[in-house]
Amino acid sequence: MTPNSHRRHQAGRHLVVAEALLQGYPASIVGSWTHVKINRRLAAVQLAAQRSWRIADVNRTVTASIGLYVLVDVTYGRRDFYVIPGDELRRDLAERYPEFMSIVGGERPHNPTSRQAAIYPGQVEAWRNRWALFGEAAQPAEGDADA
């Protein structure tokens, strides 16, 4: 059976939790789709199964407030993790998207209303395996009863 995108994404969240545990941090799945909690910090997980992470709506991502993102790359059987502060990811997207739009003449050629963007591994290489970010100034996650 070939996994669908939901199953792949769920596998990505489980991989993140497993790697965080191996790095020595308490970790668990939160909710049903996007988040994990690592060392009491909430993080959003994005999975790349085909060479890049797809951002459905760059505007929504740029205005989000999540503190940390874990980008998981499982392309070609790899298991690479990129732990990125949310502010850094949002700043990068806010800079790159207008550059892309200027390259395509200010309007997406196939779907002018789309706000889709992509993040490629080379653009986030500096954040590869930065698990220590989960140990820095750990704040209680939203809704954490242990706080």
Protein backbone atom coordinates (compact mmCIF):
# COMPACT_ATOMS: atom_id res chain seq x y z
CA MET A 1 0.00 0.00 0.00
CA THR A 2 1.39 3.39 -0.99
CA PRO A 3 1.11 5.95 1.82
CA ASN A 4 -1.01 9.02 1.14
CA SER A 5 0.14 12.51 2.14
CA HIS A 6 -1.63 12.34 5.51
CA ARG A 7 0.13 9.08 6.42
CA ARG A 8 3.49 10.45 5.28
CA HIS A 9 2.98 13.58 7.34
CA GLN A 10 2.02 11.52 10.40
CA ALA A 11 5.13 9.39 9.88
CA GLY A 12 7.16 12.61 9.77
CA ARG A 13 5.77 13.71 13.13
CA HIS A 14 6.60 10.31 14.61
CA LEU A 15 10.14 10.55 13.20
CA VAL A 16 10.54 13.97 14.82
CA VAL A 17 9.35 12.66 18.19
CA ALA A 18 11.63 9.62 17.93
CA GLU A 19 14.67 11.73 17.04
CA ALA A 20 13.93 14.21 19.84
CA LEU A 21 13.75 11.32 22.30
CA LEU A 22 17.07 10.00 20.99
CA GLN A 23 18.51 13.51 21.46
CA GLY A 24 17.46 13.32 25.13
CA TYR A 25 14.37 15.55 25.07
CA PRO A 26 10.91 14.55 26.26
CA ALA A 27 8.64 14.57 23.20
CA SER A 28 5.11 13.74 22.13
CA ILE A 29 2.59 14.18 19.34
CA VAL A 30 0.13 17.04 19.89
CA GLY A 31 -3.21 17.21 18.12
CA SER A 32 -4.13 15.41 14.97
CA TRP A 33 -2.18 17.08 12.18
CA THR A 34 0.82 19.42 12.61
CA HIS A 35 2.31 19.82 16.07
CA VAL A 36 4.65 18.06 18.43
CA LYS A 37 5.81 19.02 21.89
CA ILE A 38 9.54 18.71 22.59
CA ASN A 39 10.98 19.69 25.96
CA ARG A 40 7.67 21.47 26.72
CA ARG A 41 7.93 23.57 23.54
CA LEU A 42 5.37 23.42 20.78
CA ALA A 43 6.74 22.96 17.26
CA ALA A 44 5.15 22.62 13.84
CA VAL A 45 6.34 19.75 11.64
CA GLN A 46 6.60 19.94 7.85
CA LEU A 47 7.52 16.88 5.78
CA ALA A 48 9.31 16.86 2.43
CA ALA A 49 8.98 13.65 0.50
CA GLN A 50 9.92 15.10 -2.90
CA ARG A 51 12.91 17.43 -2.58
CA SER A 52 11.16 20.42 -0.96
CA TRP A 53 8.69 21.53 1.66
CA ARG A 54 5.51 22.98 0.18
CA ILE A 55 3.97 25.98 1.87
CA ALA A 56 0.31 26.18 0.81
CA ASP A 57 -0.14 29.85 1.72
CA VAL A 58 2.99 31.91 2.27
CA ASN A 59 0.95 34.81 3.71
CA ARG A 60 -0.61 32.59 6.39
CA THR A 61 2.78 31.10 7.31
CA VAL A 62 4.49 34.51 7.48
CA THR A 63 1.85 35.78 9.92
CA ALA A 64 1.82 32.63 12.10
CA SER A 65 3.24 32.72 15.61
CA ILE A 66 4.67 29.22 16.09
CA GLY A 67 8.03 29.39 17.89
CA LEU A 68 9.83 26.47 16.25
CA TYR A 69 9.51 24.43 13.09
CA VAL A 70 11.00 21.02 12.40
CA LEU A 71 11.38 20.34 8.69
CA VAL A 72 11.81 16.64 7.96
CA ASP A 73 13.26 15.46 4.66
CA VAL A 74 12.55 11.84 3.78
CA THR A 75 13.37 12.25 0.08
CA TYR A 76 15.17 9.21 -1.34
CA GLY A 77 15.01 7.40 2.01
CA ARG A 78 16.87 10.11 3.96
CA ARG A 79 15.95 11.13 7.48
CA ASP A 80 17.18 14.71 7.75
CA PHE A 81 15.88 17.17 10.35
CA TYR A 82 16.08 20.97 10.30
CA VAL A 83 15.07 22.75 13.51
CA ILE A 84 14.34 26.39 12.72
CA PRO A 85 13.12 29.26 14.90
CA GLY A 86 9.74 30.41 13.60
CA ASP A 87 10.90 34.02 13.25
CA GLU A 88 13.82 32.94 11.05
CA LEU A 89 11.62 30.80 8.81
CA ARG A 90 9.02 33.55 8.46
CA ARG A 91 11.67 36.19 7.70
CA ASP A 92 13.23 33.96 5.05
CA LEU A 93 9.88 33.25 3.40
CA ALA A 94 8.95 36.95 3.49
CA GLU A 95 12.21 37.76 1.65
CA ARG A 96 12.24 34.90 -0.85
CA TYR A 97 8.62 35.03 -1.99
CA PRO A 98 8.78 38.56 -3.49
CA GLU A 99 12.04 37.56 -5.21
CA PHE A 100 10.26 34.57 -6.77
CA MET A 101 7.31 36.73 -7.81
CA SER A 102 9.61 39.23 -9.52
CA ILE A 103 11.23 36.36 -11.48
CA VAL A 104 7.81 35.27 -12.79
CA GLY A 105 6.79 38.83 -13.67
CA GLY A 106 4.69 39.51 -10.57
CA GLU A 107 2.06 36.88 -11.29
CA ARG A 108 2.17 33.11 -11.01
CA PRO A 109 1.88 31.73 -14.55
CA HIS A 110 -0.53 28.84 -13.97
CA ASN A 111 -2.55 30.08 -11.00
CA PRO A 112 -2.35 33.83 -10.33
CA THR A 113 -4.24 33.56 -7.02
CA SER A 114 -1.95 30.90 -5.55
CA ARG A 115 0.28 31.90 -2.61
CA GLN A 116 2.16 28.59 -2.63
CA ALA A 117 5.88 28.60 -1.90
CA ALA A 118 8.62 26.02 -1.55
CA ILE A 119 11.56 25.63 0.80
CA TYR A 120 14.55 23.62 -0.43
CA PRO A 121 17.11 21.83 1.77
CA GLY A 122 19.93 24.11 0.64
CA GLN A 123 17.99 27.10 1.95
CA VAL A 124 17.83 25.68 5.48
CA GLU A 125 21.12 23.77 5.72
CA ALA A 126 22.33 26.04 8.55
CA TRP A 127 19.51 24.65 10.72
CA ARG A 128 20.25 20.98 10.18
CA ASN A 129 20.10 18.98 13.43
CA ARG A 130 19.83 22.09 15.63
CA TRP A 131 18.06 20.13 18.36
CA ALA A 132 19.74 22.26 21.03
CA LEU A 133 17.18 24.96 20.20
CA PHE A 134 14.70 22.88 22.20
CA GLY A 135 16.92 23.26 25.24
CA GLU A 136 17.25 27.04 25.00
CA ALA A 137 14.95 29.07 27.25
CA ALA A 138 12.33 26.38 27.28
CA GLN A 139 8.90 27.92 27.78
CA PRO A 140 5.79 25.99 28.67
CA ALA A 141 3.85 25.01 25.59
CA GLU A 142 0.38 26.44 25.10
CA GLY A 143 -2.13 24.51 27.16
CA ASP A 144 0.60 22.78 29.19
CA ALA A 145 -0.88 21.77 32.54
CA ASP A 146 2.63 21.17 33.95
CA ALA A 147 3.58 24.85 33.64
